[in-house]
Amino acid sequence: MSFEVDGKQIYNSFMHASEILQREKDKLNTLNLFPVADRDTGVNMALTIKKTADHLPDTGTPAEILEAAYLNLLEFSHGNSGTILTLFFGGFRKAIPDKDIISGRDLAE
């Protein structure tokens, strides 16, 4: 069985992540311990992904969607958890080859 992902699936993943983070932000707030236990991890993650998703193009290669997501994350990140998400996707986007469909091997590498 092969695993393949196109740009639309990457876009849809951001939309779905935005919905889940919004719904579960209160649970994620309980994880907040460093550097200050201000209980805003979930709120910051939800805001960061929501604004990023709202400004994503819905067409393009996976690499193009991830590049746009990274630029949006840079602009819209909230707090430490938003910055961590930005750093994660910054590295992730560099590893994705620019082709119409990426394979499971592409993701693993």
Protein backbone atom coordinates (compact mmCIF):
# COMPACT_ATOMS: atom_id res chain seq x y z
CA MET A 1 0.00 0.00 0.00
CA SER A 2 1.38 3.40 -0.93
CA PHE A 3 0.70 6.66 0.84
CA GLU A 4 0.41 9.89 -1.14
CA VAL A 5 -0.45 13.47 -0.20
CA ASP A 6 -1.30 16.40 -2.44
CA GLY A 7 -1.54 20.11 -1.68
CA LYS A 8 -5.29 19.96 -1.07
CA GLN A 9 -4.76 17.37 1.67
CA ILE A 10 -2.15 19.59 3.33
CA TYR A 11 -4.61 22.50 3.17
CA ASN A 12 -7.41 20.33 4.59
CA SER A 13 -5.10 19.19 7.39
CA PHE A 14 -4.59 22.79 8.50
CA MET A 15 -8.34 23.41 8.41
CA HIS A 16 -9.00 20.29 10.47
CA ALA A 17 -6.19 21.09 12.92
CA SER A 18 -7.67 24.55 13.40
CA GLU A 19 -11.05 23.07 14.31
CA ILE A 20 -9.56 20.52 16.71
CA LEU A 21 -7.28 23.03 18.45
CA GLN A 22 -10.20 25.41 18.92
CA ARG A 23 -12.32 22.63 20.41
CA GLU A 24 -9.56 21.26 22.66
CA LYS A 25 -7.77 24.46 23.67
CA ASP A 26 -8.88 24.24 27.30
CA LYS A 27 -7.32 20.78 27.66
CA LEU A 28 -4.11 22.05 26.08
CA ASN A 29 -4.03 25.03 28.45
CA THR A 30 -3.42 22.58 31.32
CA LEU A 31 -0.07 21.60 29.74
CA ASN A 32 1.39 25.05 30.19
CA LEU A 33 4.24 24.98 32.69
CA PHE A 34 7.24 26.70 31.07
CA PRO A 35 8.42 29.39 31.23
CA VAL A 36 5.38 30.59 33.21
CA ALA A 37 2.34 28.55 34.17
CA ASP A 38 -0.08 31.07 32.65
CA ARG A 39 -2.30 28.35 31.12
CA ASP A 40 -2.45 29.79 27.61
CA THR A 41 -0.82 27.04 25.52
CA GLY A 42 -4.08 25.91 23.94
CA VAL A 43 -5.32 29.43 23.32
CA ASN A 44 -2.07 30.45 21.64
CA MET A 45 -1.89 27.30 19.52
CA ALA A 46 -5.53 27.66 18.46
CA LEU A 47 -5.10 31.35 17.55
CA THR A 48 -1.89 30.67 15.65
CA ILE A 49 -3.28 27.81 13.56
CA LYS A 50 -6.65 29.52 13.00
CA LYS A 51 -5.10 32.67 11.57
CA THR A 52 -2.61 30.62 9.56
CA ALA A 53 -5.37 28.43 8.12
CA ASP A 54 -7.56 31.44 7.34
CA HIS A 55 -4.83 32.86 5.09
CA LEU A 56 -3.73 29.67 3.32
CA PRO A 57 -4.24 29.23 -0.41
CA ASP A 58 -6.39 26.16 -1.10
CA THR A 59 -4.44 25.12 -4.19
CA GLY A 60 -0.78 24.37 -4.85
CA THR A 61 1.78 21.67 -4.31
CA PRO A 62 2.36 20.40 -0.78
CA ALA A 63 5.59 22.42 -0.67
CA GLU A 64 3.78 25.59 -1.78
CA ILE A 65 1.05 25.15 0.83
CA LEU A 66 3.62 24.48 3.55
CA GLU A 67 5.69 27.50 2.52
CA ALA A 68 2.58 29.71 2.70
CA ALA A 69 1.71 28.15 6.07
CA TYR A 70 5.20 28.90 7.38
CA LEU A 71 5.02 32.53 6.28
CA ASN A 72 1.59 32.86 7.90
CA LEU A 73 2.88 31.22 11.07
CA LEU A 74 5.70 33.77 11.20
CA GLU A 75 3.18 36.56 10.95
CA PHE A 76 0.44 35.19 13.19
CA SER A 77 2.19 33.18 15.92
CA HIS A 78 0.99 33.80 19.47
CA GLY A 79 3.13 33.15 22.52
CA ASN A 80 5.73 30.45 23.01
CA SER A 81 3.52 27.64 21.73
CA GLY A 82 2.84 29.56 18.52
CA THR A 83 6.57 30.12 18.10
CA ILE A 84 7.24 26.40 18.60
CA LEU A 85 4.66 25.56 15.92
CA THR A 86 6.37 28.03 13.60
CA LEU A 87 9.76 26.43 14.17
CA PHE A 88 8.34 22.94 13.61
CA PHE A 89 6.72 23.86 10.30
CA GLY A 90 9.79 25.87 9.29
CA GLY A 91 11.84 22.69 9.40
CA PHE A 92 9.09 20.52 7.94
CA ARG A 93 8.63 22.73 4.90
CA LYS A 94 12.33 22.58 4.07
CA ALA A 95 12.22 18.78 3.88
CA ILE A 96 9.26 18.48 1.51
CA PRO A 97 10.18 18.15 -2.17
CA ASP A 98 8.40 20.47 -4.61
CA LYS A 99 6.25 18.06 -6.58
CA ASP A 100 2.51 17.69 -7.08
CA ILE A 101 2.16 14.61 -4.89
CA ILE A 102 4.47 13.55 -2.08
CA SER A 103 4.87 9.98 -0.90
CA GLY A 104 5.09 8.48 2.53
CA ARG A 105 8.84 8.12 1.91
CA ASP A 106 9.05 11.86 1.19
CA LEU A 107 7.35 12.55 4.53
CA ALA A 108 9.60 10.09 6.38
CA GLU A 109 12.77 11.56 4.93
